[in-house]
Amino acid sequence: MTLRGLCRIAAAVLVITSAIVIDSACAAPSGRLYVVVAPPPPVVEARVIAPGPGYIWVAGYHRWDGRAYVWAPGVWMRPPRARAVWVPAHWVRERRGWYFVEGHWR
């Protein structure tokens, strides 16, 4: 293979890689960030002892950093009010890809 052939292959790989990275996450009109790659399964975490009474465990989740999924570990939190319920963070699949829904108190 000649040097010119190797340069053409390298250029083609660069163009394809750039197209995949650009297409892997795109902003939608609704403000959601869609990710084409499905999130990995959740990490099984070992919970440490609660820091005190009234704390609940908020499980970790995978977040998208623009290039890959990154694990955000779980934490102990106190509810903001009596009878508050934590709705876990999760990923939702739509036709355009996956988008993230933040965890929140209900």
PDB file of N, CA and C in Angstrom:
ATOM      1  N   MET A   1       0.846  -1.166   0.000  1.00  0.00           N
ATOM      2  CA  MET A   1       0.000   0.000   0.000  1.00  0.00           C
ATOM      3  C   MET A   1       0.899   1.239   0.000  1.00  0.00           C
ATOM      4  N   THR A   2       0.514   2.212  -0.786  1.00  0.00           N
ATOM      5  CA  THR A   2       1.328   3.419  -0.908  1.00  0.00           C
ATOM      6  C   THR A   2       0.989   4.424   0.179  1.00  0.00           C
ATOM      7  N   LEU A   3       1.841   5.417   0.302  1.00  0.00           N
ATOM      8  CA  LEU A   3       1.620   6.494   1.269  1.00  0.00           C
ATOM      9  C   LEU A   3       0.343   7.255   0.925  1.00  0.00           C
ATOM     10  N   ARG A   4       0.088   7.444  -0.344  1.00  0.00           N
ATOM     11  CA  ARG A   4      -1.130   8.152  -0.767  1.00  0.00           C
ATOM     12  C   ARG A   4      -2.383   7.356  -0.377  1.00  0.00           C
ATOM     13  N   GLY A   5      -2.328   6.047  -0.528  1.00  0.00           N
ATOM     14  CA  GLY A   5      -3.448   5.196  -0.133  1.00  0.00           C
ATOM     15  C   GLY A   5      -3.699   5.246   1.373  1.00  0.00           C
ATOM     16  N   LEU A   6      -2.626   5.230   2.162  1.00  0.00           N
ATOM     17  CA  LEU A   6      -2.766   5.341   3.611  1.00  0.00           C
ATOM     18  C   LEU A   6      -3.361   6.692   4.014  1.00  0.00           C
ATOM     19  N   CYS A   7      -2.962   7.762   3.342  1.00  0.00           N
ATOM     20  CA  CYS A   7      -3.513   9.089   3.642  1.00  0.00           C
ATOM     21  C   CYS A   7      -5.006   9.133   3.340  1.00  0.00           C
ATOM     22  N   ARG A   8      -5.421   8.501   2.252  1.00  0.00           N
ATOM     23  CA  ARG A   8      -6.848   8.467   1.904  1.00  0.00           C
ATOM     24  C   ARG A   8      -7.642   7.683   2.949  1.00  0.00           C
ATOM     25  N   ILE A   9      -7.111   6.577   3.405  1.00  0.00           N
ATOM     26  CA  ILE A   9      -7.791   5.765   4.430  1.00  0.00           C
ATOM     27  C   ILE A   9      -7.884   6.561   5.727  1.00  0.00           C
ATOM     28  N   ALA A  10      -6.789   7.208   6.119  1.00  0.00           N
ATOM     29  CA  ALA A  10      -6.794   8.008   7.350  1.00  0.00           C
ATOM     30  C   ALA A  10      -7.811   9.143   7.255  1.00  0.00           C
ATOM     31  N   ALA A  11      -7.903   9.791   6.112  1.00  0.00           N
ATOM     32  CA  ALA A  11      -8.872  10.873   5.927  1.00  0.00           C
ATOM     33  C   ALA A  11     -10.301  10.339   6.008  1.00  0.00           C
ATOM     34  N   ALA A  12     -10.538   9.181   5.412  1.00  0.00           N
ATOM     35  CA  ALA A  12     -11.881   8.587   5.448  1.00  0.00           C
ATOM     36  C   ALA A  12     -12.263   8.221   6.882  1.00  0.00           C
ATOM     37  N   VAL A  13     -11.344   7.656   7.627  1.00  0.00           N
ATOM     38  CA  VAL A  13     -11.607   7.304   9.024  1.00  0.00           C
ATOM     39  C   VAL A  13     -11.909   8.562   9.838  1.00  0.00           C
ATOM     40  N   LEU A  14     -11.173   9.622   9.612  1.00  0.00           N
ATOM     41  CA  LEU A  14     -11.400  10.882  10.319  1.00  0.00           C
ATOM     42  C   LEU A  14     -12.784  11.451  10.008  1.00  0.00           C
ATOM     43  N   VAL A  15     -13.192  11.417   8.753  1.00  0.00           N
ATOM     44  CA  VAL A  15     -14.509  11.931   8.362  1.00  0.00           C
ATOM     45  C   VAL A  15     -15.623  11.095   8.990  1.00  0.00           C
ATOM     46  N   ILE A  16     -15.499   9.785   8.946  1.00  0.00           N
ATOM     47  CA  ILE A  16     -16.523   8.900   9.515  1.00  0.00           C
ATOM     48  C   ILE A  16     -16.606   9.078  11.032  1.00  0.00           C
ATOM     49  N   THR A  17     -15.457   9.142  11.691  1.00  0.00           N
ATOM     50  CA  THR A  17     -15.443   9.330  13.145  1.00  0.00           C
ATOM     51  C   THR A  17     -16.077  10.660  13.523  1.00  0.00           C
ATOM     52  N   SER A  18     -15.764  11.713  12.799  1.00  0.00           N
ATOM     53  CA  SER A  18     -16.358  13.025  13.071  1.00  0.00           C
ATOM     54  C   SER A  18     -17.866  12.990  12.895  1.00  0.00           C
ATOM     55  N   ALA A  19     -18.352  12.313  11.868  1.00  0.00           N
ATOM     56  CA  ALA A  19     -19.796  12.222  11.633  1.00  0.00           C
ATOM     57  C   ALA A  19     -20.483  11.469  12.762  1.00  0.00           C
ATOM     58  N   ILE A  20     -19.859  10.423  13.261  1.00  0.00           N
ATOM     59  CA  ILE A  20     -20.447   9.646  14.360  1.00  0.00           C
ATOM     60  C   ILE A  20     -20.494  10.490  15.635  1.00  0.00           C
ATOM     61  N   VAL A  21     -19.422  11.200  15.945  1.00  0.00           N
ATOM     62  CA  VAL A  21     -19.381  12.021  17.152  1.00  0.00           C
ATOM     63  C   VAL A  21     -20.400  13.150  17.066  1.00  0.00           C
ATOM     64  N   ILE A  22     -20.487  13.810  15.930  1.00  0.00           N
ATOM     65  CA  ILE A  22     -21.441  14.910  15.771  1.00  0.00           C
ATOM     66  C   ILE A  22     -22.864  14.398  15.849  1.00  0.00           C
ATOM     67  N   ASP A  23     -23.125  13.226  15.285  1.00  0.00           N
ATOM     68  CA  ASP A  23     -24.482  12.682  15.255  1.00  0.00           C
ATOM     69  C   ASP A  23     -24.859  11.965  16.548  1.00  0.00           C
ATOM     70  N   SER A  24     -23.874  11.665  17.416  1.00  0.00           N
ATOM     71  CA  SER A  24     -24.173  10.870  18.606  1.00  0.00           C
ATOM     72  C   SER A  24     -25.032  11.610  19.615  1.00  0.00           C
ATOM     73  N   ALA A  25     -24.991  12.914  19.627  1.00  0.00           N
ATOM     74  CA  ALA A  25     -25.853  13.694  20.520  1.00  0.00           C
ATOM     75  C   ALA A  25     -26.299  14.946  19.783  1.00  0.00           C
ATOM     76  N   CYS A  26     -27.587  15.183  19.776  1.00  0.00           N
ATOM     77  CA  CYS A  26     -28.094  16.364  19.091  1.00  0.00           C
ATOM     78  C   CYS A  26     -29.163  17.014  19.946  1.00  0.00           C
ATOM     79  N   ALA A  27     -29.165  18.331  19.969  1.00  0.00           N
ATOM     80  CA  ALA A  27     -30.166  19.057  20.754  1.00  0.00           C
ATOM     81  C   ALA A  27     -31.476  19.092  19.986  1.00  0.00           C
ATOM     82  N   ALA A  28     -32.557  18.821  20.677  1.00  0.00           N
ATOM     83  CA  ALA A  28     -33.882  18.850  20.070  1.00  0.00           C
ATOM     84  C   ALA A  28     -34.527  20.201  20.332  1.00  0.00           C
ATOM     85  N   PRO A  29     -35.534  20.559  19.554  1.00  0.00           N
ATOM     86  CA  PRO A  29     -36.203  21.837  19.767  1.00  0.00           C
ATOM     87  C   PRO A  29     -36.780  21.991  21.176  1.00  0.00           C
ATOM     88  N   SER A  30     -37.150  20.895  21.814  1.00  0.00           N
ATOM     89  CA  SER A  30     -37.733  20.971  23.148  1.00  0.00           C
ATOM     90  C   SER A  30     -36.680  21.234  24.227  1.00  0.00           C
ATOM     91  N   GLY A  31     -35.416  21.291  23.863  1.00  0.00           N
ATOM     92  CA  GLY A  31     -34.359  21.509  24.831  1.00  0.00           C
ATOM     93  C   GLY A  31     -33.761  20.219  25.354  1.00  0.00           C
ATOM     94  N   ARG A  32     -34.314  19.106  24.953  1.00  0.00           N
ATOM     95  CA  ARG A  32     -33.753  17.817  25.381  1.00  0.00           C
ATOM     96  C   ARG A  32     -32.503  17.517  24.578  1.00  0.00           C
ATOM     97  N   LEU A  33     -31.577  16.850  25.231  1.00  0.00           N
ATOM     98  CA  LEU A  33     -30.385  16.383  24.556  1.00  0.00           C
ATOM     99  C   LEU A  33     -30.572  14.905  24.281  1.00  0.00           C
ATOM    100  N   TYR A  34     -30.628  14.527  23.022  1.00  0.00           N
ATOM    101  CA  TYR A  34     -30.806  13.129  22.652  1.00  0.00           C
ATOM    102  C   TYR A  34     -29.454  12.493  22.403  1.00  0.00           C
ATOM    103  N   VAL A  35     -29.294  11.284  22.925  1.00  0.00           N
ATOM    104  CA  VAL A  35     -28.068  10.508  22.760  1.00  0.00           C
ATOM    105  C   VAL A  35     -28.441   9.254  21.979  1.00  0.00           C
ATOM    106  N   VAL A  36     -27.704   8.984  20.912  1.00  0.00           N
ATOM    107  CA  VAL A  36     -28.016   7.836  20.057  1.00  0.00           C
ATOM    108  C   VAL A  36     -27.628   6.523  20.726  1.00  0.00           C
ATOM    109  N   VAL A  37     -26.577   6.550  21.519  1.00  0.00           N
ATOM    110  CA  VAL A  37     -26.069   5.344  22.184  1.00  0.00           C
ATOM    111  C   VAL A  37     -26.885   5.069  23.446  1.00  0.00           C
ATOM    112  N   ALA A  38     -27.357   3.834  23.599  1.00  0.00           N
ATOM    113  CA  ALA A  38     -28.143   3.474  24.789  1.00  0.00           C
ATOM    114  C   ALA A  38     -27.276   3.521  26.049  1.00  0.00           C
ATOM    115  N   PRO A  39     -27.870   3.901  27.181  1.00  0.00           N
ATOM    116  CA  PRO A  39     -27.080   3.922  28.424  1.00  0.00           C
ATOM    117  C   PRO A  39     -26.739   2.512  28.886  1.00  0.00           C
ATOM    118  N   PRO A  40     -25.606   2.349  29.554  1.00  0.00           N
ATOM    119  CA  PRO A  40     -25.258   1.029  30.085  1.00  0.00           C
ATOM    120  C   PRO A  40     -26.141   0.676  31.275  1.00  0.00           C
ATOM    121  N   PRO A  41     -26.133  -0.580  31.689  1.00  0.00           N
ATOM    122  CA  PRO A  41     -26.920  -0.955  32.869  1.00  0.00           C
ATOM    123  C   PRO A  41     -26.408  -0.239  34.118  1.00  0.00           C
ATOM    124  N   PRO A  42     -27.278  -0.019  35.098  1.00  0.00           N
ATOM    125  CA  PRO A  42     -26.839   0.661  36.330  1.00  0.00           C
ATOM    126  C   PRO A  42     -25.748  -0.120  37.057  1.00  0.00           C
ATOM    127  N   VAL A  43     -24.917   0.609  37.750  1.00  0.00           N
ATOM    128  CA  VAL A  43     -23.859   0.010  38.556  1.00  0.00           C
ATOM    129  C   VAL A  43     -24.472  -0.389  39.895  1.00  0.00           C
ATOM    130  N   VAL A  44     -24.138  -1.583  40.367  1.00  0.00           N
ATOM    131  CA  VAL A  44     -24.614  -2.019  41.685  1.00  0.00           C
ATOM    132  C   VAL A  44     -23.698  -1.385  42.721  1.00  0.00           C
ATOM    133  N   GLU A  45     -24.277  -0.539  43.564  1.00  0.00           N
ATOM    134  CA  GLU A  45     -23.487   0.202  44.533  1.00  0.00           C
ATOM    135  C   GLU A  45     -23.622  -0.383  45.934  1.00  0.00           C
ATOM    136  N   ALA A  46     -22.561  -0.290  46.692  1.00  0.00           N
ATOM    137  CA  ALA A  46     -22.612  -0.664  48.105  1.00  0.00           C
ATOM    138  C   ALA A  46     -22.978   0.601  48.879  1.00  0.00           C
ATOM    139  N   ARG A  47     -24.084   0.549  49.600  1.00  0.00           N
ATOM    140  CA  ARG A  47     -24.516   1.708  50.377  1.00  0.00           C
ATOM    141  C   ARG A  47     -23.736   1.779  51.685  1.00  0.00           C
ATOM    142  N   VAL A  48     -23.306   2.963  51.998  1.00  0.00           N
ATOM    143  CA  VAL A  48     -22.685   3.174  53.308  1.00  0.00           C
ATOM    144  C   VAL A  48     -23.812   3.438  54.302  1.00  0.00           C
ATOM    145  N   ILE A  49     -23.491   3.452  55.562  1.00  0.00           N
ATOM    146  CA  ILE A  49     -24.511   3.688  56.593  1.00  0.00           C
ATOM    147  C   ILE A  49     -25.047   5.107  56.460  1.00  0.00           C
ATOM    148  N   ALA A  50     -26.351   5.262  56.618  1.00  0.00           N
ATOM    149  CA  ALA A  50     -26.983   6.584  56.533  1.00  0.00           C
ATOM    150  C   ALA A  50     -26.361   7.526  57.552  1.00  0.00           C
ATOM    151  N   PRO A  51     -26.195   8.793  57.187  1.00  0.00           N
ATOM    152  CA  PRO A  51     -25.559   9.733  58.111  1.00  0.00           C
ATOM    153  C   PRO A  51     -26.422  10.098  59.317  1.00  0.00           C
ATOM    154  N   GLY A  52     -27.694   9.714  59.276  1.00  0.00           N
ATOM    155  CA  GLY A  52     -28.569  10.027  60.407  1.00  0.00           C
ATOM    156  C   GLY A  52     -29.992   9.599  60.111  1.00  0.00           C
ATOM    157  N   PRO A  53     -30.880   9.761  61.071  1.00  0.00           N
ATOM    158  CA  PRO A  53     -32.273   9.389  60.834  1.00  0.00           C
ATOM    159  C   PRO A  53     -32.933  10.348  59.833  1.00  0.00           C
ATOM    160  N   GLY A  54     -33.867   9.811  59.069  1.00  0.00           N
ATOM    161  CA  GLY A  54     -34.601  10.620  58.109  1.00  0.00           C
ATOM    162  C   GLY A  54     -33.966  10.729  56.736  1.00  0.00           C
ATOM    163  N   TYR A  55     -32.775  10.172  56.545  1.00  0.00           N
ATOM    164  CA  TYR A  55     -32.119  10.211  55.231  1.00  0.00           C
ATOM    165  C   TYR A  55     -32.622   9.068  54.363  1.00  0.00           C
ATOM    166  N   ILE A  56     -32.695   9.304  53.047  1.00  0.00           N
ATOM    167  CA  ILE A  56     -33.028   8.225  52.113  1.00  0.00           C
ATOM    168  C   ILE A  56     -31.899   8.098  51.088  1.00  0.00           C
ATOM    169  N   TRP A  57     -31.774   6.892  50.560  1.00  0.00           N
ATOM    170  CA  TRP A  57     -30.729   6.630  49.572  1.00  0.00           C
ATOM    171  C   TRP A  57     -31.235   7.039  48.196  1.00  0.00           C
ATOM    172  N   VAL A  58     -30.474   7.889  47.510  1.00  0.00           N
ATOM    173  CA  VAL A  58     -30.764   8.296  46.137  1.00  0.00           C
ATOM    174  C   VAL A  58     -29.745   7.576  45.272  1.00  0.00           C
ATOM    175  N   ALA A  59     -30.227   6.624  44.474  1.00  0.00           N
ATOM    176  CA  ALA A  59     -29.345   5.765  43.679  1.00  0.00           C
ATOM    177  C   ALA A  59     -28.568   6.565  42.638  1.00  0.00           C
ATOM    178  N   GLY A  60     -27.404   6.046  42.288  1.00  0.00           N
ATOM    179  CA  GLY A  60     -26.586   6.662  41.252  1.00  0.00           C
ATOM    180  C   GLY A  60     -27.194   6.449  39.869  1.00  0.00           C
ATOM    181  N   TYR A  61     -26.616   7.084  38.886  1.00  0.00           N
ATOM    182  CA  TYR A  61     -27.132   7.019  37.512  1.00  0.00           C
ATOM    183  C   TYR A  61     -25.999   7.316  36.530  1.00  0.00           C
ATOM    184  N   HIS A  62     -26.206   6.953  35.286  1.00  0.00           N
ATOM    185  CA  HIS A  62     -25.258   7.293  34.227  1.00  0.00           C
ATOM    186  C   HIS A  62     -25.657   8.636  33.634  1.00  0.00           C
ATOM    187  N   ARG A  63     -24.705   9.548  33.568  1.00  0.00           N
ATOM    188  CA  ARG A  63     -24.954  10.818  32.900  1.00  0.00           C
ATOM    189  C   ARG A  63     -24.123  10.866  31.622  1.00  0.00           C
ATOM    190  N   TRP A  64     -24.525  11.704  30.678  1.00  0.00           N
ATOM    191  CA  TRP A  64     -23.822  11.850  29.405  1.00  0.00           C
ATOM    192  C   TRP A  64     -22.925  13.071  29.499  1.00  0.00           C
ATOM    193  N   ASP A  65     -21.632  12.920  29.230  1.00  0.00           N
ATOM    194  CA  ASP A  65     -20.723  14.061  29.327  1.00  0.00           C
ATOM    195  C   ASP A  65     -20.393  14.683  27.975  1.00  0.00           C
ATOM    196  N   GLY A  66     -21.123  14.290  26.937  1.00  0.00           N
ATOM    197  CA  GLY A  66     -20.870  14.811  25.599  1.00  0.00           C
ATOM    198  C   GLY A  66     -20.106  13.850  24.718  1.00  0.00           C
ATOM    199  N   ARG A  67     -19.442  12.871  25.337  1.00  0.00           N
ATOM    200  CA  ARG A  67     -18.691  11.872  24.585  1.00  0.00           C
ATOM    201  C   ARG A  67     -18.991  10.456  25.016  1.00  0.00           C
ATOM    202  N   ALA A  68     -19.327  10.295  26.296  1.00  0.00           N
ATOM    203  CA  ALA A  68     -19.554   8.955  26.838  1.00  0.00           C
ATOM    204  C   ALA A  68     -20.412   9.059  28.092  1.00  0.00           C
ATOM    205  N   TYR A  69     -20.913   7.910  28.528  1.00  0.00           N
ATOM    206  CA  TYR A  69     -21.656   7.863  29.786  1.00  0.00           C
ATOM    207  C   TYR A  69     -20.668   7.819  30.942  1.00  0.00           C
ATOM    208  N   VAL A  70     -20.984   8.556  32.002  1.00  0.00           N
ATOM    209  CA  VAL A  70     -20.153   8.610  33.200  1.00  0.00           C
ATOM    210  C   VAL A  70     -21.057   8.305  34.392  1.00  0.00           C
ATOM    211  N   TRP A  71     -20.590   7.461  35.300  1.00  0.00           N
ATOM    212  CA  TRP A  71     -21.389   7.088  36.457  1.00  0.00           C
ATOM    213  C   TRP A  71     -21.345   8.187  37.515  1.00  0.00           C
ATOM    214  N   ALA A  72     -22.527   8.630  37.960  1.00  0.00           N
ATOM    215  CA  ALA A  72     -22.655   9.576  39.075  1.00  0.00           C
ATOM    216  C   ALA A  72     -23.098   8.739  40.277  1.00  0.00           C
ATOM    217  N   PRO A  73     -22.284   8.604  41.311  1.00  0.00           N
ATOM    218  CA  PRO A  73     -22.611   7.710  42.433  1.00  0.00           C
ATOM    219  C   PRO A  73     -23.805   8.183  43.254  1.00  0.00           C
ATOM    220  N   GLY A  74     -24.439   7.230  43.926  1.00  0.00           N
ATOM    221  CA  GLY A  74     -25.578   7.528  44.786  1.00  0.00           C
ATOM    222  C   GLY A  74     -25.163   8.289  46.036  1.00  0.00           C
ATOM    223  N   VAL A  75     -26.155   8.932  46.648  1.00  0.00           N
ATOM    224  CA  VAL A  75     -25.909   9.737  47.853  1.00  0.00           C
ATOM    225  C   VAL A  75     -27.079   9.589  48.820  1.00  0.00           C
ATOM    226  N   TRP A  76     -26.835   9.908  50.081  1.00  0.00           N
ATOM    227  CA  TRP A  76     -27.899   9.979  51.071  1.00  0.00           C
ATOM    228  C   TRP A  76     -28.436  11.403  51.065  1.00  0.00           C
ATOM    229  N   MET A  77     -29.763  11.565  51.065  1.00  0.00           N
ATOM    230  CA  MET A  77     -30.379  12.891  51.078  1.00  0.00           C
ATOM    231  C   MET A  77     -31.525  12.923  52.078  1.00  0.00           C
ATOM    232  N   ARG A  78     -31.787  14.114  52.578  1.00  0.00           N
ATOM    233  CA  ARG A  78     -32.958  14.310  53.447  1.00  0.00           C
ATOM    234  C   ARG A  78     -34.081  14.879  52.603  1.00  0.00           C
ATOM    235  N   PRO A  79     -35.284  14.337  52.727  1.00  0.00           N
ATOM    236  CA  PRO A  79     -36.421  14.884  51.980  1.00  0.00           C
ATOM    237  C   PRO A  79     -36.662  16.343  52.362  1.00  0.00           C
ATOM    238  N   PRO A  80     -37.107  17.163  51.401  1.00  0.00           N
ATOM    239  CA  PRO A  80     -37.320  18.579  51.693  1.00  0.00           C
ATOM    240  C   PRO A  80     -38.555  18.846  52.561  1.00  0.00           C
ATOM    241  N   ARG A  81     -39.458  17.870  52.626  1.00  0.00           N
ATOM    242  CA  ARG A  81     -40.692  18.032  53.412  1.00  0.00           C
ATOM    243  C   ARG A  81     -41.211  16.648  53.794  1.00  0.00           C
ATOM    244  N   ALA A  82     -42.139  16.618  54.733  1.00  0.00           N
ATOM    245  CA  ALA A  82     -42.735  15.346  55.153  1.00  0.00           C
ATOM    246  C   ALA A  82     -43.465  14.700  53.969  1.00  0.00           C
ATOM    247  N   ARG A  83     -43.406  13.410  53.883  1.00  0.00           N
ATOM    248  CA  ARG A  83     -44.066  12.597  52.863  1.00  0.00           C
ATOM    249  C   ARG A  83     -43.577  12.861  51.431  1.00  0.00           C
ATOM    250  N   ALA A  84     -42.438  13.515  51.272  1.00  0.00           N
ATOM    251  CA  ALA A  84     -41.861  13.714  49.936  1.00  0.00           C
ATOM    252  C   ALA A  84     -41.349  12.373  49.431  1.00  0.00           C
ATOM    253  N   VAL A  85     -41.488  12.140  48.144  1.00  0.00           N
ATOM    254  CA  VAL A  85     -41.065  10.882  47.519  1.00  0.00           C
ATOM    255  C   VAL A  85     -40.030  11.210  46.444  1.00  0.00           C
ATOM    256  N   TRP A  86     -38.931  10.472  46.442  1.00  0.00           N
ATOM    257  CA  TRP A  86     -37.883  10.669  45.433  1.00  0.00           C
ATOM    258  C   TRP A  86     -38.238   9.904  44.170  1.00  0.00           C
ATOM    259  N   VAL A  87     -38.244  10.595  43.036  1.00  0.00           N
ATOM    260  CA  VAL A  87     -38.431   9.974  41.719  1.00  0.00           C
ATOM    261  C   VAL A  87     -37.035   9.851  41.118  1.00  0.00           C
ATOM    262  N   PRO A  88     -36.547   8.618  40.908  1.00  0.00           N
ATOM    263  CA  PRO A  88     -35.166   8.433  40.451  1.00  0.00           C
ATOM    264  C   PRO A  88     -34.906   9.000  39.060  1.00  0.00           C
ATOM    265  N   ALA A  89     -33.671   9.414  38.845  1.00  0.00           N
ATOM    266  CA  ALA A  89     -33.229   9.820  37.518  1.00  0.00           C
ATOM    267  C   ALA A  89     -33.303   8.609  36.600  1.00  0.00           C
ATOM    268  N   HIS A  90     -33.624   8.840  35.334  1.00  0.00           N
ATOM    269  CA  HIS A  90     -33.713   7.717  34.393  1.00  0.00           C
ATOM    270  C   HIS A  90     -33.601   8.207  32.952  1.00  0.00           C
ATOM    271  N   TRP A  91     -33.317   7.270  32.074  1.00  0.00           N
ATOM    272  CA  TRP A  91     -33.223   7.543  30.642  1.00  0.00           C
ATOM    273  C   TRP A  91     -34.496   7.059  29.967  1.00  0.00           C
ATOM    274  N   VAL A  92     -34.972   7.849  28.999  1.00  0.00           N
ATOM    275  CA  VAL A  92     -36.184   7.508  28.247  1.00  0.00           C
ATOM    276  C   VAL A  92     -35.806   7.378  26.778  1.00  0.00           C
ATOM    277  N   ARG A  93     -36.327   6.321  26.146  1.00  0.00           N
ATOM    278  CA  ARG A  93     -36.024   6.098  24.730  1.00  0.00           C
ATOM    279  C   ARG A  93     -37.163   6.622  23.866  1.00  0.00           C
ATOM    280  N   GLU A  94     -36.804   7.384  22.859  1.00  0.00           N
ATOM    281  CA  GLU A  94     -37.739   7.860  21.836  1.00  0.00           C
ATOM    282  C   GLU A  94     -37.145   7.557  20.472  1.00  0.00           C
ATOM    283  N   ARG A  95     -37.875   7.933  19.460  1.00  0.00           N
ATOM    284  CA  ARG A  95     -37.437   7.652  18.089  1.00  0.00           C
ATOM    285  C   ARG A  95     -36.084   8.298  17.786  1.00  0.00           C
ATOM    286  N   ARG A  96     -35.837   9.486  18.330  1.00  0.00           N
ATOM    287  CA  ARG A  96     -34.582  10.210  18.064  1.00  0.00           C
ATOM    288  C   ARG A  96     -33.404   9.682  18.865  1.00  0.00           C
ATOM    289  N   GLY A  97     -33.674   8.927  19.911  1.00  0.00           N
ATOM    290  CA  GLY A  97     -32.598   8.420  20.759  1.00  0.00           C
ATOM    291  C   GLY A  97     -33.031   8.421  22.215  1.00  0.00           C
ATOM    292  N   TRP A  98     -32.072   8.545  23.098  1.00  0.00           N
ATOM    293  CA  TRP A  98     -32.300   8.511  24.537  1.00  0.00           C
ATOM    294  C   TRP A  98     -32.165   9.919  25.093  1.00  0.00           C
ATOM    295  N   TYR A  99     -33.051  10.290  26.040  1.00  0.00           N
ATOM    296  CA  TYR A  99     -32.879  11.553  26.746  1.00  0.00           C
ATOM    297  C   TYR A  99     -32.996  11.302  28.247  1.00  0.00           C
ATOM    298  N   PHE A 100     -32.365  12.177  29.008  1.00  0.00           N
ATOM    299  CA  PHE A 100     -32.245  12.006  30.456  1.00  0.00           C
ATOM    300  C   PHE A 100     -33.299  12.804  31.189  1.00  0.00           C
ATOM    301  N   VAL A 101     -33.910  12.173  32.203  1.00  0.00           N
ATOM    302  CA  VAL A 101     -34.860  12.842  33.086  1.00  0.00           C
ATOM    303  C   VAL A 101     -34.205  12.901  34.469  1.00  0.00           C
ATOM    304  N   GLU A 102     -33.994  14.115  34.965  1.00  0.00           N
ATOM    305  CA  GLU A 102     -33.348  14.301  36.276  1.00  0.00           C
ATOM    306  C   GLU A 102     -34.202  13.702  37.397  1.00  0.00           C
ATOM    307  N   GLY A 103     -33.540  13.200  38.428  1.00  0.00           N
ATOM    308  CA  GLY A 103     -34.252  12.764  39.623  1.00  0.00           C
ATOM    309  C   GLY A 103     -34.806  13.989  40.334  1.00  0.00           C
ATOM    310  N   HIS A 104     -35.952  13.824  41.009  1.00  0.00           N
ATOM    311  CA  HIS A 104     -36.567  14.972  41.672  1.00  0.00           C
ATOM    312  C   HIS A 104     -37.499  14.517  42.798  1.00  0.00           C
ATOM    313  N   TRP A 105     -37.815  15.438  43.670  1.00  0.00           N
ATOM    314  CA  TRP A 105     -38.758  15.171  44.758  1.00  0.00           C
ATOM    315  C   TRP A 105     -40.179  15.430  44.285  1.00  0.00           C
ATOM    316  N   ARG A 106     -41.080  14.546  44.693  1.00  0.00           N
ATOM    317  CA  ARG A 106     -42.506  14.726  44.370  1.00  0.00           C
ATOM    318  C   ARG A 106     -43.273  14.833  45.647  1.00  0.00           C
TER     319      ARG A 106
END
